[in-house]
N, C-alpha and C. Protein backbone atom coordinates (compact mmCIF):
# COMPACT_ATOMS: atom_id res chain seq x y z
N UNK A 1 -9.26 1.02 -16.71
CA UNK A 1 -8.32 0.47 -15.77
C UNK A 1 -8.75 -0.93 -15.35
N UNK A 2 -9.26 -1.67 -16.28
CA UNK A 2 -9.75 -3.01 -15.98
C UNK A 2 -8.63 -3.95 -15.54
N UNK A 3 -7.40 -3.62 -15.89
CA UNK A 3 -6.31 -4.51 -15.53
C UNK A 3 -5.77 -4.23 -14.13
N UNK A 4 -6.22 -3.20 -13.46
CA UNK A 4 -5.68 -2.83 -12.15
C UNK A 4 -5.84 -3.94 -11.11
N UNK A 5 -6.99 -4.62 -11.00
CA UNK A 5 -7.08 -5.70 -10.01
C UNK A 5 -6.02 -6.79 -10.24
N UNK A 6 -5.75 -7.08 -11.48
CA UNK A 6 -4.75 -8.09 -11.80
C UNK A 6 -3.36 -7.60 -11.41
N UNK A 7 -3.09 -6.32 -11.65
CA UNK A 7 -1.80 -5.75 -11.26
C UNK A 7 -1.59 -5.83 -9.76
N UNK A 8 -2.64 -5.54 -9.02
CA UNK A 8 -2.52 -5.58 -7.56
C UNK A 8 -2.29 -7.01 -7.09
N UNK A 9 -2.98 -7.96 -7.69
CA UNK A 9 -2.74 -9.36 -7.33
C UNK A 9 -1.30 -9.76 -7.62
N UNK A 10 -0.77 -9.29 -8.74
CA UNK A 10 0.62 -9.59 -9.07
C UNK A 10 1.56 -8.99 -8.03
N UNK A 11 1.27 -7.77 -7.61
CA UNK A 11 2.09 -7.11 -6.60
C UNK A 11 2.06 -7.90 -5.30
N UNK A 12 0.88 -8.31 -4.89
CA UNK A 12 0.74 -9.07 -3.64
C UNK A 12 1.45 -10.41 -3.75
N UNK A 13 1.25 -11.11 -4.86
CA UNK A 13 1.88 -12.42 -4.99
C UNK A 13 3.39 -12.28 -5.10
N UNK A 14 3.87 -11.24 -5.77
CA UNK A 14 5.31 -11.02 -5.87
C UNK A 14 5.90 -10.77 -4.49
N UNK A 15 5.24 -9.92 -3.72
CA UNK A 15 5.73 -9.60 -2.39
C UNK A 15 5.69 -10.82 -1.48
N UNK A 16 4.65 -11.64 -1.60
CA UNK A 16 4.54 -12.80 -0.71
C UNK A 16 5.49 -13.92 -1.12
N UNK A 17 5.87 -13.99 -2.39
CA UNK A 17 6.80 -15.02 -2.84
C UNK A 17 8.24 -14.63 -2.62
N UNK A 18 8.51 -13.33 -2.50
CA UNK A 18 9.88 -12.91 -2.28
C UNK A 18 10.27 -13.21 -0.85
N UNK A 19 11.56 -13.16 -0.57
CA UNK A 19 12.03 -13.45 0.78
C UNK A 19 11.65 -12.34 1.74
N UNK A 20 11.30 -11.18 1.23
CA UNK A 20 11.01 -10.03 2.08
C UNK A 20 9.52 -9.79 2.11
N UNK A 21 8.99 -9.69 3.29
CA UNK A 21 7.58 -9.36 3.46
C UNK A 21 7.41 -7.85 3.37
N UNK A 22 6.22 -7.43 2.96
CA UNK A 22 5.92 -6.00 2.95
C UNK A 22 5.95 -5.46 4.38
N UNK A 23 5.93 -6.36 5.35
CA UNK A 23 5.93 -5.99 6.76
C UNK A 23 7.30 -6.14 7.42
N UNK A 24 8.35 -6.25 6.64
CA UNK A 24 9.69 -6.45 7.19
C UNK A 24 10.05 -5.33 8.15
N UNK A 25 10.33 -5.67 9.41
CA UNK A 25 10.69 -4.68 10.43
C UNK A 25 12.16 -4.31 10.27
N UNK A 26 12.44 -3.02 10.24
CA UNK A 26 13.81 -2.55 10.18
C UNK A 26 14.56 -3.06 8.96
N UNK A 27 13.88 -3.17 7.85
CA UNK A 27 14.46 -3.74 6.64
C UNK A 27 15.54 -2.83 6.06
N UNK A 28 16.52 -3.45 5.46
CA UNK A 28 17.57 -2.69 4.79
C UNK A 28 17.06 -2.27 3.41
N UNK A 29 17.79 -1.37 2.78
CA UNK A 29 17.41 -0.92 1.44
C UNK A 29 17.39 -2.09 0.46
N UNK A 30 18.34 -2.99 0.60
CA UNK A 30 18.38 -4.15 -0.29
C UNK A 30 17.15 -5.04 -0.09
N UNK A 31 16.67 -5.14 1.14
CA UNK A 31 15.49 -5.96 1.42
C UNK A 31 14.20 -5.31 0.95
N UNK A 32 14.11 -3.99 1.04
CA UNK A 32 12.88 -3.30 0.64
C UNK A 32 12.84 -2.98 -0.85
N UNK A 33 13.97 -3.08 -1.52
CA UNK A 33 14.04 -2.71 -2.94
C UNK A 33 12.98 -3.41 -3.80
N UNK A 34 12.76 -4.74 -3.66
CA UNK A 34 11.72 -5.38 -4.49
C UNK A 34 10.32 -4.84 -4.21
N UNK A 35 10.03 -4.52 -2.96
CA UNK A 35 8.72 -3.98 -2.60
C UNK A 35 8.55 -2.59 -3.20
N UNK A 36 9.58 -1.76 -3.04
CA UNK A 36 9.54 -0.40 -3.57
C UNK A 36 9.41 -0.43 -5.09
N UNK A 37 10.18 -1.31 -5.72
CA UNK A 37 10.13 -1.43 -7.18
C UNK A 37 8.72 -1.82 -7.63
N UNK A 38 8.11 -2.79 -6.96
CA UNK A 38 6.76 -3.23 -7.32
C UNK A 38 5.74 -2.12 -7.13
N UNK A 39 5.85 -1.40 -6.03
CA UNK A 39 4.91 -0.30 -5.77
C UNK A 39 5.06 0.80 -6.81
N UNK A 40 6.30 1.14 -7.17
CA UNK A 40 6.50 2.17 -8.18
C UNK A 40 6.03 1.72 -9.56
N UNK A 41 6.18 0.43 -9.85
CA UNK A 41 5.67 -0.10 -11.11
C UNK A 41 4.15 0.03 -11.15
N UNK A 42 3.50 -0.31 -10.04
CA UNK A 42 2.04 -0.19 -9.95
C UNK A 42 1.62 1.27 -10.10
N UNK A 43 2.32 2.18 -9.41
CA UNK A 43 2.00 3.62 -9.51
C UNK A 43 2.18 4.12 -10.95
N UNK A 44 3.20 3.62 -11.63
CA UNK A 44 3.41 4.01 -13.03
C UNK A 44 2.23 3.59 -13.89
N UNK A 45 1.75 2.36 -13.67
CA UNK A 45 0.60 1.88 -14.44
C UNK A 45 -0.66 2.70 -14.14
N UNK A 46 -0.86 3.05 -12.87
CA UNK A 46 -2.00 3.90 -12.51
C UNK A 46 -1.87 5.25 -13.19
N UNK A 47 -0.67 5.83 -13.17
CA UNK A 47 -0.44 7.13 -13.80
C UNK A 47 -0.70 7.08 -15.30
N UNK A 48 -0.24 6.02 -15.95
CA UNK A 48 -0.47 5.88 -17.39
C UNK A 48 -1.95 5.76 -17.69
N UNK A 49 -2.65 4.94 -16.91
CA UNK A 49 -4.07 4.69 -17.15
C UNK A 49 -4.91 5.93 -16.89
N UNK A 50 -4.52 6.72 -15.90
CA UNK A 50 -5.30 7.90 -15.50
C UNK A 50 -4.70 9.21 -16.02
N UNK A 51 -3.69 9.12 -16.87
CA UNK A 51 -3.03 10.30 -17.44
C UNK A 51 -2.56 11.26 -16.35
N UNK A 52 -1.85 10.74 -15.37
CA UNK A 52 -1.29 11.55 -14.29
C UNK A 52 0.17 11.82 -14.63
N UNK A 53 0.50 13.08 -14.83
CA UNK A 53 1.85 13.44 -15.26
C UNK A 53 2.84 13.57 -14.11
N UNK A 54 2.35 13.81 -12.90
CA UNK A 54 3.26 14.12 -11.79
C UNK A 54 3.28 13.04 -10.71
N UNK A 55 3.20 11.79 -11.09
CA UNK A 55 3.24 10.69 -10.12
C UNK A 55 4.68 10.51 -9.65
N UNK A 56 4.95 10.90 -8.42
CA UNK A 56 6.29 10.78 -7.86
C UNK A 56 6.68 9.33 -7.64
N UNK A 57 7.97 9.08 -7.68
CA UNK A 57 8.48 7.77 -7.33
C UNK A 57 8.54 7.67 -5.81
N UNK A 58 8.17 6.52 -5.27
CA UNK A 58 8.20 6.32 -3.83
C UNK A 58 9.52 5.71 -3.39
N UNK A 59 9.91 6.05 -2.16
CA UNK A 59 11.05 5.43 -1.50
C UNK A 59 10.57 4.90 -0.16
N UNK A 60 11.22 3.84 0.34
CA UNK A 60 10.90 3.33 1.66
C UNK A 60 11.31 4.38 2.67
N UNK A 61 10.41 4.74 3.57
CA UNK A 61 10.65 5.81 4.53
C UNK A 61 10.69 5.22 5.94
N UNK A 62 11.86 5.24 6.55
CA UNK A 62 12.02 4.64 7.88
C UNK A 62 11.27 5.41 8.96
N UNK A 63 11.11 6.70 8.76
CA UNK A 63 10.31 7.50 9.70
C UNK A 63 8.85 7.03 9.67
N UNK A 64 8.31 6.84 8.47
CA UNK A 64 6.94 6.32 8.34
C UNK A 64 6.84 4.90 8.87
N UNK A 65 7.89 4.12 8.71
CA UNK A 65 7.89 2.75 9.23
C UNK A 65 7.73 2.77 10.75
N UNK A 66 8.44 3.67 11.41
CA UNK A 66 8.33 3.78 12.87
C UNK A 66 6.91 4.17 13.29
N UNK A 67 6.32 5.11 12.57
CA UNK A 67 4.94 5.53 12.87
C UNK A 67 3.98 4.36 12.65
N UNK A 68 4.12 3.68 11.50
CA UNK A 68 3.23 2.56 11.17
C UNK A 68 3.32 1.47 12.23
N UNK A 69 4.51 1.19 12.72
CA UNK A 69 4.68 0.15 13.73
C UNK A 69 4.04 0.52 15.06
N UNK A 70 3.84 1.82 15.29
CA UNK A 70 3.24 2.26 16.55
C UNK A 70 1.71 2.28 16.50
N UNK A 71 1.13 2.16 15.31
CA UNK A 71 -0.32 2.25 15.16
C UNK A 71 -1.00 0.92 15.45
N UNK A 72 -2.21 1.01 15.92
CA UNK A 72 -3.04 -0.16 16.21
C UNK A 72 -4.20 -0.20 15.23
N UNK A 73 -4.98 -1.24 15.27
CA UNK A 73 -6.10 -1.43 14.36
C UNK A 73 -7.06 -0.24 14.37
N UNK A 74 -7.33 0.32 15.52
CA UNK A 74 -8.26 1.44 15.63
C UNK A 74 -7.68 2.79 15.23
N UNK A 75 -6.40 2.81 14.86
CA UNK A 75 -5.72 4.07 14.53
C UNK A 75 -5.66 4.34 13.03
N UNK A 76 -6.60 3.85 12.29
CA UNK A 76 -6.52 3.95 10.83
C UNK A 76 -7.01 5.31 10.34
N UNK A 77 -6.41 6.37 10.87
CA UNK A 77 -6.75 7.74 10.48
C UNK A 77 -5.51 8.39 9.89
N UNK A 78 -5.71 9.24 8.89
CA UNK A 78 -4.59 9.98 8.33
C UNK A 78 -4.00 10.89 9.39
N UNK A 79 -2.68 11.06 9.34
CA UNK A 79 -1.99 11.94 10.27
C UNK A 79 -1.69 13.28 9.62
N UNK A 80 -0.99 14.15 10.32
CA UNK A 80 -0.70 15.48 9.78
C UNK A 80 0.24 15.44 8.58
N UNK A 81 1.08 14.41 8.49
CA UNK A 81 2.05 14.34 7.40
C UNK A 81 2.09 12.97 6.72
N UNK A 82 1.01 12.21 6.84
CA UNK A 82 0.94 10.92 6.17
C UNK A 82 -0.51 10.52 5.93
N UNK A 83 -0.68 9.61 4.96
CA UNK A 83 -1.98 9.03 4.65
C UNK A 83 -1.93 7.54 4.97
N UNK A 84 -3.03 7.02 5.50
CA UNK A 84 -3.11 5.62 5.90
C UNK A 84 -3.79 4.79 4.80
N UNK A 85 -3.25 3.62 4.55
CA UNK A 85 -3.84 2.67 3.61
C UNK A 85 -3.82 1.29 4.24
N UNK A 86 -4.79 0.49 3.89
CA UNK A 86 -4.78 -0.91 4.31
C UNK A 86 -3.71 -1.61 3.47
N UNK A 87 -2.87 -2.38 4.12
CA UNK A 87 -1.89 -3.16 3.37
C UNK A 87 -2.65 -4.18 2.53
N UNK A 88 -2.51 -4.14 1.21
CA UNK A 88 -3.27 -5.05 0.37
C UNK A 88 -2.92 -6.50 0.68
N UNK A 89 -3.95 -7.35 0.73
CA UNK A 89 -3.72 -8.78 0.91
C UNK A 89 -4.67 -9.54 -0.01
N UNK A 90 -4.45 -10.82 -0.11
CA UNK A 90 -5.21 -11.64 -1.06
C UNK A 90 -6.71 -11.66 -0.75
N UNK A 91 -7.07 -11.71 0.53
CA UNK A 91 -8.48 -11.74 0.90
C UNK A 91 -9.20 -10.46 0.48
N UNK A 92 -8.53 -9.34 0.66
CA UNK A 92 -9.11 -8.06 0.27
C UNK A 92 -9.30 -7.99 -1.24
N UNK A 93 -8.31 -8.45 -1.97
CA UNK A 93 -8.41 -8.44 -3.43
C UNK A 93 -9.53 -9.37 -3.89
N UNK A 94 -9.67 -10.53 -3.26
CA UNK A 94 -10.76 -11.44 -3.62
C UNK A 94 -12.11 -10.79 -3.41
N UNK A 95 -12.24 -10.00 -2.34
CA UNK A 95 -13.50 -9.30 -2.11
C UNK A 95 -13.73 -8.25 -3.20
N UNK A 96 -12.67 -7.57 -3.61
CA UNK A 96 -12.80 -6.57 -4.67
C UNK A 96 -13.25 -7.23 -5.97
N UNK A 97 -12.76 -8.43 -6.25
CA UNK A 97 -13.15 -9.13 -7.48
C UNK A 97 -14.64 -9.47 -7.49
N UNK A 98 -15.27 -9.50 -6.33
CA UNK A 98 -16.70 -9.78 -6.25
C UNK A 98 -17.54 -8.56 -6.60
N UNK A 99 -16.91 -7.39 -6.60
CA UNK A 99 -17.60 -6.14 -6.94
C UNK A 99 -17.76 -6.09 -8.46
N UNK A 100 -18.85 -5.52 -8.97
CA UNK A 100 -18.98 -5.38 -10.42
C UNK A 100 -17.76 -4.66 -11.02
N UNK A 101 -17.33 -5.11 -12.18
CA UNK A 101 -16.11 -4.63 -12.82
C UNK A 101 -16.03 -3.11 -12.87
N UNK A 102 -17.15 -2.45 -13.17
CA UNK A 102 -17.14 -0.99 -13.30
C UNK A 102 -16.80 -0.29 -11.99
N UNK A 103 -17.02 -0.96 -10.87
CA UNK A 103 -16.76 -0.33 -9.57
C UNK A 103 -15.44 -0.77 -8.95
N UNK A 104 -14.76 -1.73 -9.57
CA UNK A 104 -13.53 -2.25 -9.00
C UNK A 104 -12.42 -1.21 -8.91
N UNK A 105 -12.29 -0.38 -9.94
CA UNK A 105 -11.22 0.61 -9.94
C UNK A 105 -11.32 1.54 -8.74
N UNK A 106 -12.53 2.03 -8.49
CA UNK A 106 -12.72 2.94 -7.36
C UNK A 106 -12.43 2.23 -6.04
N UNK A 107 -12.84 0.98 -5.93
CA UNK A 107 -12.60 0.22 -4.70
C UNK A 107 -11.11 0.03 -4.47
N UNK A 108 -10.38 -0.27 -5.52
CA UNK A 108 -8.94 -0.47 -5.39
C UNK A 108 -8.23 0.82 -5.04
N UNK A 109 -8.61 1.90 -5.69
CA UNK A 109 -7.98 3.18 -5.38
C UNK A 109 -8.30 3.61 -3.95
N UNK A 110 -9.49 3.25 -3.48
CA UNK A 110 -9.85 3.55 -2.09
C UNK A 110 -8.97 2.75 -1.12
N UNK A 111 -8.75 1.49 -1.43
CA UNK A 111 -7.88 0.65 -0.60
C UNK A 111 -6.45 1.17 -0.63
N UNK A 112 -5.95 1.48 -1.81
CA UNK A 112 -4.58 1.96 -1.93
C UNK A 112 -4.38 3.32 -1.27
N UNK A 113 -5.43 4.13 -1.26
CA UNK A 113 -5.34 5.44 -0.62
C UNK A 113 -4.14 6.23 -1.08
N UNK A 114 -3.35 6.68 -0.13
CA UNK A 114 -2.18 7.50 -0.43
C UNK A 114 -1.12 6.81 -1.25
N UNK A 115 -1.13 5.49 -1.27
CA UNK A 115 -0.15 4.78 -2.08
C UNK A 115 -0.35 5.06 -3.57
N UNK A 116 -1.55 5.51 -3.93
CA UNK A 116 -1.84 5.84 -5.33
C UNK A 116 -1.88 7.35 -5.56
N UNK A 117 -1.61 8.14 -4.53
CA UNK A 117 -1.66 9.61 -4.65
C UNK A 117 -0.37 10.13 -5.29
N UNK A 118 -0.49 10.97 -6.31
CA UNK A 118 0.69 11.44 -7.04
C UNK A 118 1.74 12.15 -6.18
N UNK A 119 1.34 12.95 -5.21
CA UNK A 119 2.28 13.78 -4.47
C UNK A 119 3.11 13.07 -3.41
N UNK A 120 2.83 11.81 -3.17
CA UNK A 120 3.56 11.11 -2.12
C UNK A 120 4.96 10.73 -2.59
N UNK A 121 5.91 10.76 -1.66
CA UNK A 121 7.29 10.45 -2.01
C UNK A 121 7.87 9.31 -1.19
N UNK A 122 7.22 8.96 -0.08
CA UNK A 122 7.72 7.90 0.77
C UNK A 122 6.59 7.02 1.26
N UNK A 123 6.93 5.77 1.62
CA UNK A 123 5.93 4.88 2.19
C UNK A 123 6.62 3.82 3.04
N UNK A 124 5.83 3.20 3.89
CA UNK A 124 6.29 2.06 4.69
C UNK A 124 5.06 1.32 5.18
N UNK A 125 5.24 0.07 5.51
CA UNK A 125 4.14 -0.76 5.98
C UNK A 125 4.53 -1.46 7.27
N UNK A 126 3.53 -1.80 8.07
CA UNK A 126 3.76 -2.54 9.31
C UNK A 126 2.63 -3.53 9.52
N UNK A 127 2.96 -4.63 10.14
CA UNK A 127 2.01 -5.71 10.37
C UNK A 127 1.26 -5.49 11.68
N UNK A 128 -0.03 -5.83 11.68
CA UNK A 128 -0.80 -5.86 12.92
C UNK A 128 -0.61 -7.24 13.54
N UNK A 129 -0.21 -7.29 14.78
CA UNK A 129 -0.02 -8.58 15.45
C UNK A 129 -1.28 -9.03 16.17
N UNK A 130 -2.20 -8.09 16.40
CA UNK A 130 -3.50 -8.44 16.97
C UNK A 130 -4.49 -8.55 15.83
N UNK A 131 -5.52 -9.37 16.02
CA UNK A 131 -6.54 -9.54 14.98
C UNK A 131 -7.21 -8.20 14.69
N UNK A 132 -7.36 -7.91 13.42
CA UNK A 132 -7.95 -6.64 12.99
C UNK A 132 -8.81 -6.92 11.77
N UNK A 133 -10.00 -6.34 11.73
CA UNK A 133 -10.85 -6.51 10.56
C UNK A 133 -11.69 -5.26 10.34
N UNK A 134 -12.10 -5.11 9.08
CA UNK A 134 -12.97 -3.99 8.73
C UNK A 134 -14.39 -4.31 9.18
N UNK A 135 -15.26 -3.32 9.08
CA UNK A 135 -16.67 -3.51 9.46
C UNK A 135 -17.34 -4.61 8.63
N UNK A 136 -16.86 -4.79 7.39
CA UNK A 136 -17.46 -5.81 6.52
C UNK A 136 -16.84 -7.20 6.74
N UNK A 137 -15.96 -7.32 7.72
CA UNK A 137 -15.39 -8.61 8.06
C UNK A 137 -14.08 -8.96 7.39
N UNK A 138 -13.62 -8.14 6.45
CA UNK A 138 -12.35 -8.42 5.78
C UNK A 138 -11.21 -8.22 6.77
N UNK A 139 -10.37 -9.24 6.90
CA UNK A 139 -9.23 -9.15 7.81
C UNK A 139 -8.17 -8.20 7.25
N UNK A 140 -7.59 -7.44 8.15
CA UNK A 140 -6.53 -6.51 7.78
C UNK A 140 -5.24 -7.03 8.40
N UNK A 141 -4.27 -7.32 7.55
CA UNK A 141 -3.00 -7.85 8.03
C UNK A 141 -2.08 -6.75 8.55
N UNK A 142 -2.23 -5.57 7.97
CA UNK A 142 -1.33 -4.49 8.35
C UNK A 142 -1.74 -3.18 7.72
N UNK A 143 -0.87 -2.22 7.90
CA UNK A 143 -1.15 -0.85 7.50
C UNK A 143 0.04 -0.31 6.72
N UNK A 144 -0.24 0.52 5.75
CA UNK A 144 0.82 1.21 5.02
C UNK A 144 0.58 2.71 5.17
N UNK A 145 1.65 3.44 5.32
CA UNK A 145 1.58 4.89 5.39
C UNK A 145 2.35 5.45 4.21
N UNK A 146 1.85 6.53 3.67
CA UNK A 146 2.57 7.24 2.61
C UNK A 146 2.54 8.71 2.95
N UNK A 147 3.61 9.38 2.60
CA UNK A 147 3.69 10.79 2.94
C UNK A 147 4.52 11.59 1.95
N UNK A 148 4.25 12.85 1.91
CA UNK A 148 4.99 13.74 1.02
C UNK A 148 6.23 14.32 1.69
N UNK A 149 7.32 14.26 0.97
CA UNK A 149 8.55 14.97 1.34
C UNK A 149 9.01 14.75 2.77
N UNK A 150 8.88 13.53 3.26
CA UNK A 150 9.37 13.24 4.60
C UNK A 150 10.84 12.85 4.52
N UNK A 151 11.58 13.30 5.48
CA UNK A 151 13.00 12.97 5.52
C UNK A 151 13.17 11.51 5.91
N UNK A 152 13.91 10.76 5.12
CA UNK A 152 14.19 9.37 5.46
C UNK A 152 15.16 9.34 6.63
N UNK A 153 14.82 8.58 7.64
CA UNK A 153 15.65 8.48 8.84
C UNK A 153 16.53 7.25 8.74
């Protein structure tokens, strides 16, 4: 999976160059479609590389969006019906590129968390408006939640 860091960079650059941010509040389906498409493309590549047969397609989940928007930097814990992931950003990816190549895949999958989990069916992301960083100093722009079989609101 040596190409995974490059795929993630492409996803981040695509999302940042599009008119819609991954943090779009109350986004319409038309606005989230490019983000969802990119995430599903990335999940497909992960599934192909890891021989995962049951990688579900993700949809933007407005219920998860509401939960994500209510979370703060210190709330980065999985909930009863969702998994928390750091919203990927360029600084985080640059730090991953500093890791030896053999360890990059694990680092990326750790960052993606539930976004790379086969059983998830919905996701949403929200921006942190207060400064937030990991223990190692990497700034966190926002949070993404993914969950199985949640009803889209």
